[in-house]
N, C-alpha and C. Protein backbone atom coordinates (compact mmCIF):
# COMPACT_ATOMS: atom_id res chain seq x y z
N MET A 1 -7.92 57.81 11.18
CA MET A 1 -7.40 56.50 11.02
C MET A 1 -6.28 56.45 12.02
N VAL A 2 -5.91 55.50 12.88
CA VAL A 2 -4.76 55.32 13.64
C VAL A 2 -3.43 55.39 12.69
N VAL A 3 -2.64 56.39 13.43
CA VAL A 3 -0.92 56.59 12.71
C VAL A 3 -0.39 56.13 13.75
N LYS A 4 -0.43 55.76 15.06
CA LYS A 4 0.38 55.33 15.89
C LYS A 4 0.02 54.31 16.44
N VAL A 5 0.64 53.66 17.35
CA VAL A 5 0.76 52.94 18.19
C VAL A 5 -0.40 52.87 19.14
N SER A 6 -1.32 51.81 18.82
CA SER A 6 -3.05 52.18 19.64
C SER A 6 -2.81 52.07 21.10
N THR A 7 -3.85 52.82 21.49
CA THR A 7 -3.79 53.06 23.10
C THR A 7 -3.86 51.53 23.70
N LEU A 8 -4.31 50.79 23.10
CA LEU A 8 -4.74 49.32 23.66
C LEU A 8 -3.47 48.79 23.67
N LEU A 9 -2.44 48.90 22.70
CA LEU A 9 -1.39 48.43 22.85
C LEU A 9 -0.22 49.25 23.78
N ALA A 10 -0.17 50.48 23.76
CA ALA A 10 0.43 51.19 24.70
C ALA A 10 0.43 50.79 26.18
N VAL A 11 -0.85 50.74 26.22
CA VAL A 11 -1.41 49.98 28.16
C VAL A 11 -0.74 48.78 28.12
N PHE A 12 -0.69 48.24 26.91
CA PHE A 12 -0.41 46.46 27.39
C PHE A 12 1.16 46.45 27.61
N PHE A 13 1.76 47.53 26.85
CA PHE A 13 3.26 47.29 26.73
C PHE A 13 3.91 47.65 28.20
N LEU A 14 3.16 49.10 28.38
CA LEU A 14 3.43 49.34 29.72
C LEU A 14 3.08 48.54 30.74
N ALA A 15 2.08 47.44 30.79
CA ALA A 15 1.49 46.73 31.71
C ALA A 15 2.81 45.50 32.11
N LEU A 16 2.92 45.03 30.91
CA LEU A 16 4.25 44.08 30.72
C LEU A 16 5.63 44.64 30.86
N ALA A 17 6.26 45.96 31.16
CA ALA A 17 7.62 46.86 31.39
C ALA A 17 7.37 46.73 33.06
N GLY A 18 6.11 46.51 33.74
CA GLY A 18 5.93 46.58 35.06
C GLY A 18 5.82 45.15 35.75
N GLY A 19 5.81 44.01 34.99
CA GLY A 19 5.79 42.49 35.60
C GLY A 19 7.07 41.99 35.06
N ASN A 20 7.61 40.83 36.09
CA ASN A 20 8.27 40.29 36.06
C ASN A 20 8.20 38.90 34.65
N ALA A 21 6.99 38.84 33.97
CA ALA A 21 7.06 37.76 33.22
C ALA A 21 6.78 38.27 31.86
N GLN A 22 7.43 39.11 31.27
CA GLN A 22 7.60 39.78 30.21
C GLN A 22 8.91 39.43 29.04
N LYS A 23 8.72 39.33 27.58
CA LYS A 23 9.63 39.41 26.82
C LYS A 23 9.40 40.71 25.60
N ILE A 24 9.98 41.43 25.50
CA ILE A 24 9.83 42.08 24.47
C ILE A 24 11.32 41.70 23.56
N VAL A 25 10.64 42.00 22.03
CA VAL A 25 11.44 42.21 20.68
C VAL A 25 11.24 43.16 19.77
N LYS A 26 12.21 43.99 19.87
CA LYS A 26 12.14 44.92 18.96
C LYS A 26 13.15 44.78 17.61
N LYS A 27 12.23 44.73 16.25
CA LYS A 27 13.30 44.61 15.21
C LYS A 27 13.20 45.21 14.38
N THR A 28 14.26 46.01 13.42
CA THR A 28 13.99 47.03 12.26
C THR A 28 13.84 45.88 10.89
N LEU A 29 13.13 46.03 10.29
CA LEU A 29 12.93 44.78 9.18
C LEU A 29 14.18 45.28 8.29
N ILE A 30 14.93 43.76 7.98
CA ILE A 30 16.17 43.89 6.89
C ILE A 30 15.88 44.23 5.87
N ASN A 31 14.55 44.06 5.25
CA ASN A 31 14.28 44.58 3.90
C ASN A 31 12.85 45.40 4.13
N PRO A 32 13.49 46.46 3.80
CA PRO A 32 12.05 47.73 3.85
C PRO A 32 10.97 47.47 3.19
N GLU A 33 11.30 46.72 2.29
CA GLU A 33 10.18 46.24 1.43
C GLU A 33 9.07 45.44 1.97
N SER A 34 9.68 44.85 3.00
CA SER A 34 8.54 43.48 3.46
C SER A 34 7.36 44.28 3.74
N ARG A 35 6.27 43.34 3.25
CA ARG A 35 4.78 44.57 3.47
C ARG A 35 4.00 43.05 3.60
N ALA A 36 4.28 41.62 3.95
CA ALA A 36 3.62 40.83 4.20
C ALA A 36 4.03 40.00 5.50
N PHE A 37 2.93 39.91 6.33
CA PHE A 37 3.28 39.15 7.37
C PHE A 37 2.09 38.51 8.12
N GLN A 38 2.69 37.00 8.67
CA GLN A 38 1.99 36.10 8.97
C GLN A 38 1.78 35.84 10.52
N ILE A 39 1.05 35.85 11.39
CA ILE A 39 1.61 35.89 12.49
C ILE A 39 0.10 34.68 13.05
N ASP A 40 1.24 33.35 13.79
CA ASP A 40 1.07 32.25 14.24
C ASP A 40 0.49 32.55 15.32
N ALA A 41 -0.96 32.35 16.01
CA ALA A 41 -1.30 32.41 17.18
C ALA A 41 -1.69 31.32 17.81
N LEU A 42 -0.88 30.14 17.58
CA LEU A 42 -1.52 28.76 17.85
C LEU A 42 -1.52 28.62 19.29
N ASN A 43 0.06 29.03 20.02
CA ASN A 43 0.19 28.92 21.04
C ASN A 43 -0.34 30.24 22.27
N CYS A 44 -1.05 30.90 21.48
CA CYS A 44 -1.43 32.51 22.31
C CYS A 44 -3.04 32.44 22.45
N PHE A 45 -3.13 32.93 24.12
CA PHE A 45 -4.71 32.76 24.26
C PHE A 45 -5.12 34.47 23.92
N GLU A 46 -4.41 35.46 23.52
CA GLU A 46 -4.56 36.82 23.27
C GLU A 46 -3.80 37.28 22.58
N VAL A 47 -4.12 38.33 21.29
CA VAL A 47 -3.17 38.84 20.30
C VAL A 47 -3.86 40.28 20.27
N GLN A 48 -3.00 41.30 20.61
CA GLN A 48 -3.46 42.81 20.26
C GLN A 48 -2.21 43.28 19.28
N ILE A 49 -2.64 43.72 18.17
CA ILE A 49 -1.95 43.94 17.14
C ILE A 49 -2.39 45.77 17.06
N GLY A 50 -1.47 46.29 16.51
CA GLY A 50 -1.75 47.89 15.86
C GLY A 50 -0.28 48.60 14.77
N THR A 51 -0.39 49.55 14.62
CA THR A 51 0.29 50.07 13.55
C THR A 51 1.23 51.15 13.72
N SER A 52 2.55 51.36 13.38
CA SER A 52 2.85 52.55 13.34
C SER A 52 3.55 53.22 12.42
N LYS A 53 3.88 54.49 12.01
CA LYS A 53 4.63 54.99 10.80
C LYS A 53 5.85 54.63 11.19
N THR A 54 6.52 53.70 11.10
CA THR A 54 8.06 53.16 11.37
C THR A 54 8.23 52.31 10.64
N ASN A 55 9.44 51.69 10.40
CA ASN A 55 9.82 50.61 9.75
C ASN A 55 10.24 49.01 10.86
N GLU A 56 9.65 49.40 12.10
CA GLU A 56 10.23 48.21 12.96
C GLU A 56 8.97 47.07 13.30
N ILE A 57 9.06 46.20 13.69
CA ILE A 57 8.34 45.27 14.38
C ILE A 57 8.54 45.37 15.91
N VAL A 58 7.41 45.70 16.37
CA VAL A 58 7.78 45.35 18.23
C VAL A 58 6.83 44.27 18.63
N ILE A 59 7.37 43.54 19.20
CA ILE A 59 6.31 42.61 20.31
C ILE A 59 6.92 42.45 21.30
N ALA A 60 5.55 42.44 22.33
CA ALA A 60 5.95 42.55 23.79
C ALA A 60 4.94 40.70 24.39
N ALA A 61 5.83 40.18 24.82
CA ALA A 61 5.02 38.61 24.93
C ALA A 61 4.84 38.44 26.51
N SER A 62 3.50 37.73 26.74
CA SER A 62 3.53 38.14 28.38
C SER A 62 3.16 36.59 28.79
N ILE A 63 3.75 36.01 29.96
CA ILE A 63 3.47 34.67 30.24
C ILE A 63 3.86 34.48 32.06
N GLU A 64 3.19 32.98 32.64
CA GLU A 64 3.12 33.22 33.73
C GLU A 64 4.64 33.01 34.08
N GLY A 65 4.88 34.02 35.16
CA GLY A 65 6.24 34.33 35.50
C GLY A 65 7.43 33.14 35.69
N GLU A 66 7.16 32.05 36.14
CA GLU A 66 7.75 30.82 36.66
C GLU A 66 8.35 29.77 34.88
N TYR A 67 7.85 30.46 33.86
CA TYR A 67 8.17 30.27 32.90
C TYR A 67 8.62 30.97 31.75
N GLN A 68 8.88 32.28 32.33
CA GLN A 68 9.40 33.52 31.13
C GLN A 68 10.69 32.81 30.74
N LYS A 69 11.56 32.32 31.32
CA LYS A 69 12.72 31.88 30.90
C LYS A 69 12.49 31.00 29.28
N ASP A 70 11.61 30.35 29.56
CA ASP A 70 10.90 29.05 28.49
C ASP A 70 10.66 29.78 26.98
N LEU A 71 10.14 30.99 27.22
CA LEU A 71 9.34 31.69 26.18
C LEU A 71 9.97 32.05 24.90
N LEU A 72 9.76 31.81 23.82
CA LEU A 72 10.64 31.99 22.59
C LEU A 72 9.39 32.71 21.52
N VAL A 73 10.03 33.85 21.23
CA VAL A 73 9.30 34.81 20.52
C VAL A 73 9.94 34.46 18.94
N ASN A 74 9.79 34.55 17.70
CA ASN A 74 10.19 33.99 16.48
C ASN A 74 9.99 35.07 15.66
N VAL A 75 10.91 35.94 14.97
CA VAL A 75 10.40 36.99 13.89
C VAL A 75 11.47 36.31 12.90
N GLU A 76 10.88 35.96 11.57
CA GLU A 76 11.58 35.38 10.46
C GLU A 76 11.35 36.00 9.19
N GLU A 77 12.28 36.43 8.34
CA GLU A 77 12.05 37.29 7.30
C GLU A 77 12.61 36.24 6.00
N GLU A 78 12.09 36.36 4.88
CA GLU A 78 11.84 35.51 3.72
C GLU A 78 11.51 36.46 2.80
N GLY A 79 12.82 37.25 2.02
CA GLY A 79 11.97 37.78 1.03
C GLY A 79 11.51 39.15 1.53
N SER A 80 10.05 39.32 1.21
CA SER A 80 8.95 40.24 1.64
C SER A 80 8.27 39.59 2.51
N ASN A 81 8.43 38.54 3.05
CA ASN A 81 7.32 37.97 3.92
C ASN A 81 8.10 37.65 5.29
N VAL A 82 7.37 38.26 6.54
CA VAL A 82 7.92 37.98 7.78
C VAL A 82 6.67 37.43 8.57
N MET A 83 7.48 36.04 9.10
CA MET A 83 6.26 35.59 9.95
C MET A 83 6.55 35.50 11.36
N ILE A 84 5.68 35.43 12.57
CA ILE A 84 5.87 36.10 13.70
C ILE A 84 5.05 34.94 14.34
N SER A 85 5.50 34.39 15.45
CA SER A 85 5.39 33.28 16.26
C SER A 85 5.84 32.98 17.82
N ALA A 86 5.16 32.78 18.60
CA ALA A 86 5.57 32.43 20.10
C ALA A 86 5.22 31.00 20.62
N GLY A 87 6.01 30.78 21.07
CA GLY A 87 6.33 29.12 21.71
C GLY A 87 7.14 29.08 22.76
N PHE A 88 7.95 27.96 23.03
CA PHE A 88 8.66 27.71 24.05
C PHE A 88 9.88 27.37 23.32
N GLN A 89 11.27 27.23 24.18
CA GLN A 89 12.35 26.53 23.55
C GLN A 89 11.92 24.96 24.16
N PRO A 90 13.00 24.53 23.00
CA PRO A 90 12.85 22.76 22.49
C PRO A 90 12.71 21.85 23.77
N ASN A 91 13.53 22.19 24.45
CA ASN A 91 13.72 21.37 26.26
C ASN A 91 12.72 22.07 27.01
N PHE A 92 11.59 22.72 26.45
CA PHE A 92 10.69 22.91 27.64
C PHE A 92 9.55 21.70 28.07
N LYS A 93 9.51 21.50 29.18
CA LYS A 93 8.76 20.17 29.61
C LYS A 93 7.30 21.19 29.67
N ASN A 94 6.03 20.77 29.08
CA ASN A 94 5.19 21.36 29.33
C ASN A 94 4.60 20.91 30.65
N PRO A 95 3.65 21.66 31.47
CA PRO A 95 2.88 21.05 33.11
C PRO A 95 2.11 21.22 32.55
N ASN A 96 1.59 21.20 30.94
CA ASN A 96 -0.15 20.89 30.78
C ASN A 96 -0.09 19.40 31.10
N ASP A 97 1.30 18.70 30.80
CA ASP A 97 0.71 17.05 30.94
C ASP A 97 0.70 16.38 32.31
N LYS A 98 0.66 15.59 32.24
CA LYS A 98 0.86 14.22 33.30
C LYS A 98 -0.24 15.15 34.28
N LEU A 99 0.45 15.38 35.59
CA LEU A 99 0.07 15.84 36.95
C LEU A 99 -0.67 17.27 36.62
N SER A 100 0.01 17.93 35.93
CA SER A 100 -0.85 19.43 35.77
C SER A 100 -1.77 19.46 34.61
N ALA A 101 -2.23 18.63 34.51
CA ALA A 101 -3.23 18.21 33.38
C ALA A 101 -3.94 19.38 33.54
N HIS A 102 -4.12 19.91 34.41
CA HIS A 102 -5.71 21.23 34.74
C HIS A 102 -5.04 22.59 34.36
N LYS A 103 -3.90 22.54 34.57
CA LYS A 103 -3.08 23.71 34.54
C LYS A 103 -2.37 24.28 32.98
N VAL A 104 -3.57 25.47 32.34
CA VAL A 104 -3.06 25.79 30.91
C VAL A 104 -1.80 26.77 31.05
N ILE A 105 -0.74 26.80 30.27
CA ILE A 105 -0.12 27.74 29.93
C ILE A 105 0.03 28.59 28.40
N SER A 106 -0.13 29.43 28.47
CA SER A 106 -0.51 30.14 27.59
C SER A 106 0.02 31.79 27.44
N ILE A 107 0.03 32.17 26.33
CA ILE A 107 1.16 33.45 25.92
C ILE A 107 0.04 34.57 25.40
N ALA A 108 0.44 35.62 25.74
CA ALA A 108 -0.31 37.08 25.36
C ALA A 108 0.78 37.74 24.32
N LEU A 109 0.13 38.01 23.27
CA LEU A 109 1.34 39.01 22.51
C LEU A 109 0.84 40.24 22.26
N ALA A 110 1.56 41.29 22.27
CA ALA A 110 1.10 42.78 21.43
C ALA A 110 2.25 43.15 20.61
N ILE A 111 1.66 43.46 19.14
CA ILE A 111 2.38 43.51 18.33
C ILE A 111 1.90 44.71 17.36
N SER A 112 3.13 45.50 17.22
CA SER A 112 3.11 47.10 16.49
C SER A 112 3.48 46.42 14.79
N LEU A 113 3.29 46.72 13.97
CA LEU A 113 3.54 46.78 12.56
C LEU A 113 3.39 47.84 11.78
N PRO A 114 4.24 48.11 10.57
CA PRO A 114 4.47 49.48 9.88
C PRO A 114 3.29 49.30 9.36
N GLU A 115 2.48 50.67 8.80
CA GLU A 115 1.22 51.10 8.04
C GLU A 115 1.29 50.15 6.82
N ASN A 116 0.42 50.18 6.43
CA ASN A 116 -0.05 49.83 5.23
C ASN A 116 0.71 48.54 4.57
N THR A 117 0.41 47.58 5.42
CA THR A 117 0.98 46.27 4.92
C THR A 117 -0.31 45.07 5.03
N ASP A 118 0.14 43.86 4.51
CA ASP A 118 -0.49 42.64 4.55
C ASP A 118 -0.48 42.07 5.65
N VAL A 119 -1.44 41.40 6.24
CA VAL A 119 -1.12 40.55 7.41
C VAL A 119 -2.52 39.46 7.58
N ALA A 120 -2.14 38.44 7.97
CA ALA A 120 -2.79 37.42 8.14
C ALA A 120 -2.49 36.78 9.43
N ILE A 121 -3.23 36.82 10.44
CA ILE A 121 -3.54 36.31 11.82
C ILE A 121 -4.29 34.70 11.82
N PHE A 122 -3.70 33.68 12.44
CA PHE A 122 -4.21 32.27 12.42
C PHE A 122 -4.26 31.96 14.00
N GLY A 123 -5.58 31.41 14.33
CA GLY A 123 -5.22 30.61 15.78
C GLY A 123 -6.27 29.83 15.85
N THR A 124 -6.22 29.35 17.10
CA THR A 124 -7.55 28.54 17.65
C THR A 124 -8.10 29.20 18.73
N ASN A 125 -7.48 29.15 19.63
CA ASN A 125 -8.42 29.49 21.07
C ASN A 125 -8.45 31.45 21.59
N ALA A 126 -7.08 31.78 20.47
CA ALA A 126 -6.69 32.62 20.95
C ALA A 126 -7.72 34.15 20.52
N ASN A 127 -7.66 34.70 21.42
CA ASN A 127 -8.47 36.12 21.05
C ASN A 127 -7.58 37.35 20.19
N VAL A 128 -8.41 37.71 19.09
CA VAL A 128 -7.73 39.03 18.98
C VAL A 128 -8.13 40.50 18.88
N ILE A 129 -7.70 40.91 19.39
CA ILE A 129 -7.94 42.69 18.94
C ILE A 129 -7.21 43.82 18.22
N ALA A 130 -7.97 44.21 17.04
CA ALA A 130 -7.12 44.69 16.02
C ALA A 130 -7.25 45.87 16.10
N GLU A 131 -6.56 47.16 15.74
CA GLU A 131 -6.56 48.04 15.20
C GLU A 131 -5.28 48.81 14.31
N GLY A 132 -5.82 49.99 13.54
CA GLY A 132 -4.27 50.36 12.92
C GLY A 132 -4.67 50.15 11.12
N LEU A 133 -3.99 51.01 10.49
CA LEU A 133 -4.05 50.87 8.92
C LEU A 133 -3.24 49.71 8.19
N TYR A 134 -3.93 48.89 7.61
CA TYR A 134 -3.65 47.87 6.96
C TYR A 134 -3.89 48.08 5.54
N LYS A 135 -2.85 47.75 4.48
CA LYS A 135 -3.85 47.41 3.10
C LYS A 135 -4.85 46.49 3.32
N ARG A 136 -4.10 44.96 3.81
CA ARG A 136 -5.24 44.27 3.71
C ARG A 136 -5.33 43.51 5.28
N MET A 137 -5.79 43.08 5.75
CA MET A 137 -5.89 42.10 7.07
C MET A 137 -6.80 41.05 6.94
N SER A 138 -6.36 39.56 7.27
CA SER A 138 -6.75 38.58 7.41
C SER A 138 -7.26 37.94 8.88
N ILE A 139 -8.06 37.57 9.36
CA ILE A 139 -7.91 37.17 10.43
C ILE A 139 -9.15 35.83 10.50
N SER A 140 -8.08 34.74 10.86
CA SER A 140 -9.28 33.25 10.60
C SER A 140 -8.62 32.47 11.94
N LEU A 141 -9.66 32.36 13.19
CA LEU A 141 -10.20 31.46 14.24
C LEU A 141 -10.92 30.63 14.59
N SER A 142 -10.53 29.67 15.33
CA SER A 142 -11.35 28.34 15.72
C SER A 142 -12.19 29.00 16.66
N ASP A 143 -12.22 28.58 17.95
CA ASP A 143 -12.75 29.26 19.01
C ASP A 143 -12.87 30.22 19.67
N GLY A 144 -12.05 31.40 19.34
CA GLY A 144 -11.31 33.10 19.81
C GLY A 144 -12.55 33.60 19.18
N ASP A 145 -12.73 34.85 19.99
CA ASP A 145 -13.32 35.87 19.52
C ASP A 145 -12.32 36.83 18.82
N CYS A 146 -12.81 37.95 18.16
CA CYS A 146 -12.53 38.79 17.47
C CYS A 146 -12.98 40.41 17.83
N ARG A 147 -12.19 41.37 17.77
CA ARG A 147 -12.54 42.70 18.50
C ARG A 147 -11.99 43.57 17.35
N ILE A 148 -12.18 44.14 16.48
CA ILE A 148 -11.81 45.33 15.32
C ILE A 148 -12.33 46.31 15.31
N ALA A 149 -11.51 47.49 15.81
CA ALA A 149 -11.61 49.00 15.98
C ALA A 149 -11.13 49.75 15.37
N ASN A 150 -11.41 51.51 14.69
CA ASN A 150 -10.49 51.94 14.36
C ASN A 150 -9.24 51.48 13.13
N ILE A 151 -10.01 50.59 12.45
CA ILE A 151 -9.26 49.94 11.53
C ILE A 151 -9.51 49.80 10.18
N GLY A 152 -8.54 49.76 9.26
CA GLY A 152 -8.82 49.90 7.80
C GLY A 152 -7.61 49.31 6.99
N GLU A 153 -7.58 48.99 5.47
CA GLU A 153 -8.70 49.31 4.78
C GLU A 153 -9.41 48.00 4.37
N THR A 154 -8.86 46.88 3.97
CA THR A 154 -9.92 45.95 3.55
C THR A 154 -9.53 44.90 4.70
N VAL A 155 -10.54 44.32 5.53
CA VAL A 155 -10.40 43.39 6.66
C VAL A 155 -11.36 42.20 6.65
N GLN A 156 -10.91 40.86 6.54
CA GLN A 156 -11.97 39.87 6.45
C GLN A 156 -11.58 39.05 7.61
N VAL A 157 -12.55 38.77 8.45
CA VAL A 157 -12.75 38.29 9.77
C VAL A 157 -13.43 36.80 9.61
N THR A 158 -12.92 35.76 9.66
CA THR A 158 -13.28 34.11 9.36
C THR A 158 -13.46 33.57 11.25
N THR A 159 -14.59 33.31 11.65
CA THR A 159 -14.55 32.59 12.89
C THR A 159 -15.14 31.15 12.97
N GLN A 160 -14.98 30.11 13.74
CA GLN A 160 -15.58 29.17 13.78
C GLN A 160 -16.91 29.11 15.08
N LYS A 161 -16.78 28.92 16.17
CA LYS A 161 -17.27 29.45 17.56
C LYS A 161 -17.42 30.12 18.08
N GLY A 162 -16.10 31.38 17.36
CA GLY A 162 -15.95 32.76 18.03
C GLY A 162 -16.74 34.00 17.43
N ASN A 163 -17.28 34.98 18.49
CA ASN A 163 -17.84 36.15 18.30
C ASN A 163 -16.79 37.05 17.30
N ILE A 164 -17.73 37.74 16.98
CA ILE A 164 -16.68 39.00 15.91
C ILE A 164 -17.31 40.40 16.10
N PHE A 165 -16.72 41.05 16.85
CA PHE A 165 -17.05 42.49 17.47
C PHE A 165 -16.59 43.79 16.41
N LEU A 166 -17.41 44.48 15.42
CA LEU A 166 -16.98 45.62 14.91
C LEU A 166 -17.02 46.79 15.48
N ALA A 167 -15.99 47.61 15.61
CA ALA A 167 -16.35 49.33 15.80
C ALA A 167 -16.03 50.02 14.51
N ALA A 168 -17.04 51.26 13.94
CA ALA A 168 -15.95 51.16 12.78
C ALA A 168 -17.71 52.68 12.47
N PRO A 169 -17.06 53.92 12.31
CA PRO A 169 -17.65 55.08 11.70
C PRO A 169 -18.61 54.79 10.63
N ALA A 170 -17.92 53.88 9.67
CA ALA A 170 -18.32 53.61 7.92
C ALA A 170 -17.39 52.65 7.72
N GLY A 171 -18.19 51.94 6.31
CA GLY A 171 -17.79 51.01 5.96
C GLY A 171 -18.51 50.06 4.63
N GLN A 172 -17.96 49.44 4.01
CA GLN A 172 -18.74 48.39 3.25
C GLN A 172 -18.47 47.30 3.77
N ILE A 173 -19.62 46.85 4.35
CA ILE A 173 -19.90 45.69 5.31
C ILE A 173 -20.67 44.64 4.71
N ASP A 174 -19.97 43.52 4.59
CA ASP A 174 -20.54 41.97 4.35
C ASP A 174 -20.39 41.15 5.90
N ALA A 175 -21.51 41.17 6.41
CA ALA A 175 -21.53 40.53 7.49
C ALA A 175 -22.26 39.02 7.55
N GLN A 176 -21.78 37.86 7.61
CA GLN A 176 -22.99 36.68 7.79
C GLN A 176 -22.35 35.92 8.84
N SER A 177 -23.65 35.07 9.37
CA SER A 177 -23.73 34.02 10.64
C SER A 177 -24.31 33.03 10.25
N ASN A 178 -23.75 31.91 10.09
CA ASN A 178 -24.20 30.48 9.59
C ASN A 178 -25.28 30.12 10.68
N TYR A 179 -25.08 30.06 12.02
CA TYR A 179 -26.16 29.37 12.69
C TYR A 179 -26.07 30.52 13.92
N GLY A 180 -25.55 31.90 14.11
CA GLY A 180 -25.46 32.76 15.23
C GLY A 180 -26.43 34.25 14.67
N LYS A 181 -25.94 35.08 15.05
CA LYS A 181 -27.16 36.42 14.49
C LYS A 181 -25.94 37.58 14.33
N VAL A 182 -26.81 38.30 13.46
CA VAL A 182 -26.08 39.92 13.03
C VAL A 182 -26.58 40.64 13.74
N LEU A 183 -25.82 41.63 14.77
CA LEU A 183 -26.60 42.46 15.77
C LEU A 183 -26.05 43.77 15.78
N GLY A 184 -26.37 44.98 16.40
CA GLY A 184 -26.09 46.18 16.41
C GLY A 184 -26.46 47.14 15.38
N ASP A 185 -25.83 48.04 15.09
CA ASP A 185 -26.30 49.17 14.34
C ASP A 185 -26.27 48.97 13.02
N SER A 186 -26.76 49.70 12.57
CA SER A 186 -26.55 50.10 11.05
C SER A 186 -25.30 50.97 10.71
N ILE A 187 -24.22 50.77 9.63
CA ILE A 187 -23.74 51.64 9.87
C ILE A 187 -23.12 52.01 8.09
N PRO A 188 -23.38 53.21 8.07
CA PRO A 188 -23.14 53.69 6.82
C PRO A 188 -22.11 53.40 5.55
N MET A 189 -22.28 53.28 4.76
CA MET A 189 -20.98 53.38 3.83
C MET A 189 -19.84 54.06 4.15
N GLY A 190 -18.94 53.42 3.22
CA GLY A 190 -17.94 54.21 3.65
C GLY A 190 -16.84 53.67 2.72
N ASN A 191 -15.48 53.80 2.90
CA ASN A 191 -14.13 53.63 1.84
C ASN A 191 -13.71 52.23 2.41
N SER A 192 -13.39 52.12 3.51
CA SER A 192 -12.59 50.50 4.45
C SER A 192 -13.97 49.61 3.90
N THR A 193 -13.20 47.79 3.38
CA THR A 193 -13.73 47.08 3.31
C THR A 193 -14.27 46.18 4.40
N PHE A 194 -15.34 45.44 5.13
CA PHE A 194 -15.37 44.52 5.94
C PHE A 194 -15.99 43.19 5.76
N ARG A 195 -15.34 41.90 5.77
CA ARG A 195 -16.03 41.05 5.61
C ARG A 195 -16.05 40.02 6.69
N LEU A 196 -17.10 39.90 6.96
CA LEU A 196 -17.09 39.22 8.31
C LEU A 196 -18.01 37.70 8.40
N GLN A 197 -17.57 36.84 8.59
CA GLN A 197 -18.28 35.08 8.49
C GLN A 197 -17.72 34.86 9.57
N ALA A 198 -19.20 34.45 10.22
CA ALA A 198 -19.00 32.99 11.47
C ALA A 198 -19.54 32.32 11.04
N ILE A 199 -19.78 30.79 11.74
CA ILE A 199 -20.11 30.04 11.70
C ILE A 199 -21.10 29.58 12.83
N GLU A 200 -20.90 29.85 13.82
CA GLU A 200 -21.78 29.58 14.90
C GLU A 200 -21.62 30.87 15.93
N GLY A 201 -20.80 31.68 15.78
CA GLY A 201 -20.71 32.67 16.30
C GLY A 201 -21.84 34.03 16.12
N ASN A 202 -21.92 34.96 17.15
CA ASN A 202 -22.28 36.10 16.53
C ASN A 202 -21.72 37.10 16.21
N ILE A 203 -22.11 38.59 15.62
CA ILE A 203 -21.75 39.59 14.86
C ILE A 203 -22.36 40.60 15.54
N HIS A 204 -21.36 41.38 16.04
CA HIS A 204 -21.80 42.76 17.08
C HIS A 204 -21.40 43.79 15.75
N LEU A 205 -22.34 44.70 15.43
CA LEU A 205 -21.82 45.88 14.83
C LEU A 205 -21.85 47.23 15.55
N LYS A 206 -21.28 48.39 15.69
CA LYS A 206 -21.27 49.09 16.55
C LYS A 206 -20.69 50.32 15.79
N ARG A 207 -21.56 51.67 15.52
CA ARG A 207 -21.49 52.39 14.79
C ARG A 207 -20.56 53.81 15.42
N THR A 208 -19.64 54.16 15.21
CA THR A 208 -18.69 55.09 16.06
C THR A 208 -18.59 56.50 15.10
N GLU A 209 -18.17 57.44 15.80
CA GLU A 209 -18.11 58.90 15.60
C GLU A 209 -16.61 58.95 14.99
């Protein structure tokens, strides 16, 4: 089981550190009992998330260089709940409008959270890559794909058009696609629970060692 910031996240953080279009937010939780996180991925095209044995949230956000100054990362604590989102400053003029309608401005996030927490991620076009140790993980997407690996304990993924990719050595798996297919390996029973539901997308299962 993952007990430190994942390799995927570490690579992402290093890539951001070497670029000009990055913003990193590091926050120690005010309430050490905070165990519920909601991540709004509405403005994101990619979210990578993992866990570490700390009481800190680390968020790295990447965006096209000329818009970096307008990037806004929000972390709000309300009791034991923490809300994370990314967007733009209130006075930001979106180049997606009018003459630049063909140019899409999107944000990539890499997030490290404490272990054994409840996490909910929701988005539209965001692709989510998740690994780590969670008490419960819920991911709800429209068009984006979801890739989960080296993850536990209870994970629920729902997509509309996006595909779901699960890599796990074992688990209790309930995988259903209304109009797509469930493909891949037969995965033996294990302690972690995976509930995977796709409407139009396919579900790909891979057994790992």
